[in-house]
């Protein structure tokens, strides 16, 4: 029986590591349409919650005035 000659192991680079910038770019995570949708919905919901928390905009339900002191003469909220 013949023995194999001794060969020292060479260091192997991991196949998971990119070898150049192109390979690194191919392995980057991309934003999928569903991730983009959930992100946008989350941002819109956060904007609404902060709007409620900070007071939001005032709009009269009857005359549509955007200021509490500028109601029309016919508006029942003018005297309040």
N, C-alpha and C. Protein backbone atom coordinates (compact mmCIF):
# COMPACT_ATOMS: atom_id res chain seq x y z
N UNK A 1 0.84 -1.17 0.00
CA UNK A 1 0.00 0.00 0.00
C UNK A 1 0.89 1.24 0.00
N UNK A 2 0.57 2.10 -0.87
CA UNK A 2 1.36 3.30 -1.02
C UNK A 2 0.68 4.49 -0.36
N UNK A 3 1.40 5.31 0.37
CA UNK A 3 0.86 6.49 1.05
C UNK A 3 0.94 7.70 0.14
N UNK A 4 -0.02 8.59 0.32
CA UNK A 4 -0.01 9.85 -0.43
C UNK A 4 1.05 10.77 0.15
N UNK A 5 1.72 11.53 -0.70
CA UNK A 5 2.70 12.47 -0.17
C UNK A 5 2.01 13.59 0.61
N UNK A 6 2.71 14.12 1.60
CA UNK A 6 2.16 15.17 2.45
C UNK A 6 2.13 16.48 1.68
N UNK A 7 0.96 17.11 1.65
CA UNK A 7 0.81 18.42 1.03
C UNK A 7 0.15 19.34 2.06
N UNK A 8 0.82 20.42 2.42
CA UNK A 8 0.21 21.34 3.39
C UNK A 8 -1.02 22.02 2.77
N UNK A 9 -2.03 22.20 3.60
CA UNK A 9 -3.26 22.83 3.12
C UNK A 9 -3.00 24.32 2.88
N UNK A 10 -3.43 24.79 1.75
CA UNK A 10 -3.33 26.23 1.47
C UNK A 10 -4.57 26.90 2.00
N UNK A 11 -4.43 28.16 2.33
CA UNK A 11 -5.60 28.90 2.82
C UNK A 11 -6.57 29.11 1.67
N UNK A 12 -7.78 28.76 1.92
CA UNK A 12 -8.82 28.96 0.91
C UNK A 12 -9.63 30.20 1.29
N UNK A 13 -9.93 30.98 0.31
CA UNK A 13 -10.80 32.12 0.58
C UNK A 13 -12.23 31.63 0.55
N UNK A 14 -13.03 32.19 1.38
CA UNK A 14 -14.42 31.77 1.45
C UNK A 14 -15.13 32.12 0.15
N UNK A 15 -15.94 31.22 -0.33
CA UNK A 15 -16.66 31.48 -1.57
C UNK A 15 -17.77 32.50 -1.37
N UNK A 16 -18.11 32.79 -0.10
CA UNK A 16 -19.16 33.76 0.17
C UNK A 16 -18.67 35.20 0.08
N UNK A 17 -17.37 35.39 0.13
CA UNK A 17 -16.84 36.74 0.05
C UNK A 17 -16.74 37.18 -1.40
N UNK A 18 -17.15 38.40 -1.69
CA UNK A 18 -17.05 38.88 -3.07
C UNK A 18 -15.59 39.14 -3.45
N UNK A 19 -15.27 38.88 -4.68
CA UNK A 19 -13.90 39.07 -5.14
C UNK A 19 -13.67 40.45 -5.72
N UNK A 20 -14.73 41.11 -6.15
CA UNK A 20 -14.58 42.46 -6.69
C UNK A 20 -15.86 43.26 -6.42
N UNK A 21 -15.85 44.49 -6.83
CA UNK A 21 -16.99 45.37 -6.55
C UNK A 21 -18.25 44.91 -7.27
N UNK A 22 -18.12 44.33 -8.44
CA UNK A 22 -19.30 43.86 -9.18
C UNK A 22 -19.99 42.74 -8.42
N UNK A 23 -19.21 41.80 -7.92
CA UNK A 23 -19.80 40.69 -7.16
C UNK A 23 -20.43 41.21 -5.88
N UNK A 24 -19.80 42.20 -5.23
CA UNK A 24 -20.35 42.76 -4.01
C UNK A 24 -21.70 43.44 -4.31
N UNK A 25 -21.79 44.13 -5.44
CA UNK A 25 -23.03 44.79 -5.81
C UNK A 25 -24.14 43.78 -6.07
N UNK A 26 -23.82 42.65 -6.66
CA UNK A 26 -24.82 41.63 -6.95
C UNK A 26 -25.39 41.01 -5.69
N UNK A 27 -24.62 40.99 -4.61
CA UNK A 27 -25.06 40.35 -3.37
C UNK A 27 -25.79 41.31 -2.43
N UNK A 28 -25.81 42.61 -2.74
CA UNK A 28 -26.51 43.56 -1.88
C UNK A 28 -28.00 43.27 -1.87
N UNK A 29 -28.61 43.57 -0.73
CA UNK A 29 -30.06 43.36 -0.65
C UNK A 29 -30.77 44.47 -1.40
N UNK A 30 -31.77 44.07 -2.12
CA UNK A 30 -32.56 45.04 -2.85
C UNK A 30 -33.90 45.20 -2.16
N UNK A 31 -34.51 46.38 -2.33
CA UNK A 31 -35.81 46.62 -1.73
C UNK A 31 -36.88 46.05 -2.65
N UNK A 32 -37.58 45.05 -2.16
CA UNK A 32 -38.62 44.42 -2.97
C UNK A 32 -39.86 45.31 -2.98
N UNK A 33 -40.76 45.11 -3.91
CA UNK A 33 -41.98 45.93 -3.94
C UNK A 33 -42.80 45.85 -2.65
N UNK A 34 -42.86 44.66 -2.04
CA UNK A 34 -43.63 44.55 -0.81
C UNK A 34 -42.95 45.31 0.34
N UNK A 35 -41.63 45.26 0.40
CA UNK A 35 -40.91 46.02 1.43
C UNK A 35 -41.11 47.51 1.22
N UNK A 36 -41.06 47.96 -0.01
CA UNK A 36 -41.29 49.36 -0.31
C UNK A 36 -42.70 49.78 0.08
N UNK A 37 -43.70 48.93 -0.21
CA UNK A 37 -45.08 49.24 0.13
C UNK A 37 -45.25 49.35 1.65
N UNK A 38 -44.73 48.38 2.41
CA UNK A 38 -44.86 48.42 3.87
C UNK A 38 -44.14 49.62 4.46
N UNK A 39 -43.02 50.00 3.89
CA UNK A 39 -42.29 51.17 4.36
C UNK A 39 -43.10 52.44 4.13
N UNK A 40 -43.67 52.59 2.95
CA UNK A 40 -44.47 53.78 2.66
C UNK A 40 -45.73 53.85 3.51
N UNK A 41 -46.40 52.71 3.68
CA UNK A 41 -47.60 52.69 4.53
C UNK A 41 -47.24 53.06 5.97
N UNK A 42 -46.12 52.55 6.45
CA UNK A 42 -45.67 52.88 7.80
C UNK A 42 -45.37 54.36 7.95
N UNK A 43 -44.73 54.96 6.95
CA UNK A 43 -44.44 56.39 7.01
C UNK A 43 -45.71 57.24 7.00
N UNK A 44 -46.68 56.86 6.17
CA UNK A 44 -47.95 57.60 6.12
C UNK A 44 -48.69 57.48 7.45
N UNK A 45 -48.68 56.29 8.04
CA UNK A 45 -49.35 56.11 9.34
C UNK A 45 -48.64 56.91 10.44
N UNK A 46 -47.31 56.94 10.41
CA UNK A 46 -46.59 57.73 11.41
C UNK A 46 -46.89 59.21 11.26
N UNK A 47 -47.01 59.67 10.02
CA UNK A 47 -47.34 61.08 9.78
C UNK A 47 -48.72 61.41 10.34
N UNK A 48 -49.67 60.51 10.16
CA UNK A 48 -51.02 60.75 10.68
C UNK A 48 -51.02 60.76 12.20
N UNK A 49 -50.31 59.83 12.82
CA UNK A 49 -50.27 59.78 14.28
C UNK A 49 -49.61 61.03 14.84
N UNK A 50 -48.50 61.46 14.25
CA UNK A 50 -47.85 62.67 14.74
C UNK A 50 -48.72 63.89 14.50
N UNK A 51 -49.50 63.89 13.42
CA UNK A 51 -50.43 65.00 13.18
C UNK A 51 -51.49 65.08 14.26
N UNK A 52 -52.00 63.94 14.68
CA UNK A 52 -52.99 63.93 15.77
C UNK A 52 -52.35 64.37 17.07
N UNK A 53 -51.15 63.89 17.31
CA UNK A 53 -50.46 64.18 18.56
C UNK A 53 -50.09 65.67 18.66
N UNK A 54 -49.65 66.25 17.54
CA UNK A 54 -49.22 67.65 17.55
C UNK A 54 -50.37 68.62 17.31
N UNK A 55 -51.55 68.14 17.11
CA UNK A 55 -52.69 69.03 16.93
C UNK A 55 -53.26 69.02 15.53
N UNK A 56 -52.47 68.74 14.56
CA UNK A 56 -52.95 68.66 13.18
C UNK A 56 -53.45 70.00 12.67
N UNK A 57 -54.30 69.96 11.68
CA UNK A 57 -54.87 71.17 11.11
C UNK A 57 -56.30 71.33 11.61
N UNK A 58 -56.68 72.57 11.83
CA UNK A 58 -58.06 72.86 12.21
C UNK A 58 -58.85 73.16 10.95
N UNK A 59 -59.96 72.46 10.78
CA UNK A 59 -60.88 72.73 9.68
C UNK A 59 -62.28 72.69 10.26
N UNK A 60 -63.01 73.79 10.07
CA UNK A 60 -64.38 73.84 10.58
C UNK A 60 -65.24 72.86 9.79
N UNK A 61 -66.06 72.03 10.47
CA UNK A 61 -66.88 71.06 9.75
C UNK A 61 -68.02 71.69 8.96
N UNK A 62 -68.39 72.92 9.26
CA UNK A 62 -69.52 73.57 8.58
C UNK A 62 -69.05 74.47 7.44
N UNK A 63 -68.19 75.43 7.75
CA UNK A 63 -67.81 76.42 6.73
C UNK A 63 -66.46 76.14 6.08
N UNK A 64 -65.68 75.25 6.66
CA UNK A 64 -64.39 74.89 6.07
C UNK A 64 -63.28 75.87 6.39
N UNK A 65 -63.47 76.74 7.36
CA UNK A 65 -62.44 77.70 7.73
C UNK A 65 -61.24 76.97 8.33
N UNK A 66 -60.06 77.45 7.99
CA UNK A 66 -58.84 76.84 8.52
C UNK A 66 -58.32 77.57 9.74
N UNK A 67 -58.99 78.59 10.16
CA UNK A 67 -58.60 79.32 11.36
C UNK A 67 -59.82 79.44 12.26
N UNK A 68 -59.62 79.30 13.56
CA UNK A 68 -60.74 79.33 14.50
C UNK A 68 -61.43 80.69 14.56
N UNK A 69 -60.74 81.74 14.17
CA UNK A 69 -61.30 83.10 14.26
C UNK A 69 -61.85 83.62 12.94
N UNK A 70 -61.88 82.84 11.90
CA UNK A 70 -62.30 83.31 10.57
C UNK A 70 -63.52 82.56 10.05
N UNK A 71 -64.47 82.22 10.90
CA UNK A 71 -65.70 81.54 10.45
C UNK A 71 -66.57 82.53 9.68
N UNK A 72 -67.38 81.99 8.80
CA UNK A 72 -68.32 82.85 8.06
C UNK A 72 -69.43 83.32 9.00
N UNK A 73 -70.21 84.31 8.55
CA UNK A 73 -71.28 84.85 9.39
C UNK A 73 -72.38 83.82 9.65
N UNK A 74 -72.61 82.92 8.70
CA UNK A 74 -73.67 81.92 8.85
C UNK A 74 -73.24 80.71 9.65
N UNK A 75 -71.99 80.60 9.98
CA UNK A 75 -71.47 79.41 10.66
C UNK A 75 -71.89 79.40 12.13
N UNK A 76 -72.49 78.30 12.61
CA UNK A 76 -72.91 78.23 14.01
C UNK A 76 -71.71 78.14 14.97
N UNK A 77 -70.54 77.84 14.48
CA UNK A 77 -69.37 77.73 15.35
C UNK A 77 -68.70 79.09 15.59
N UNK A 78 -69.16 80.13 14.94
CA UNK A 78 -68.54 81.43 15.07
C UNK A 78 -68.64 81.97 16.49
N UNK A 79 -69.76 81.74 17.15
CA UNK A 79 -69.95 82.29 18.47
C UNK A 79 -69.25 81.46 19.56
N UNK A 80 -68.79 80.29 19.23
CA UNK A 80 -68.18 79.42 20.26
C UNK A 80 -66.75 79.69 20.45
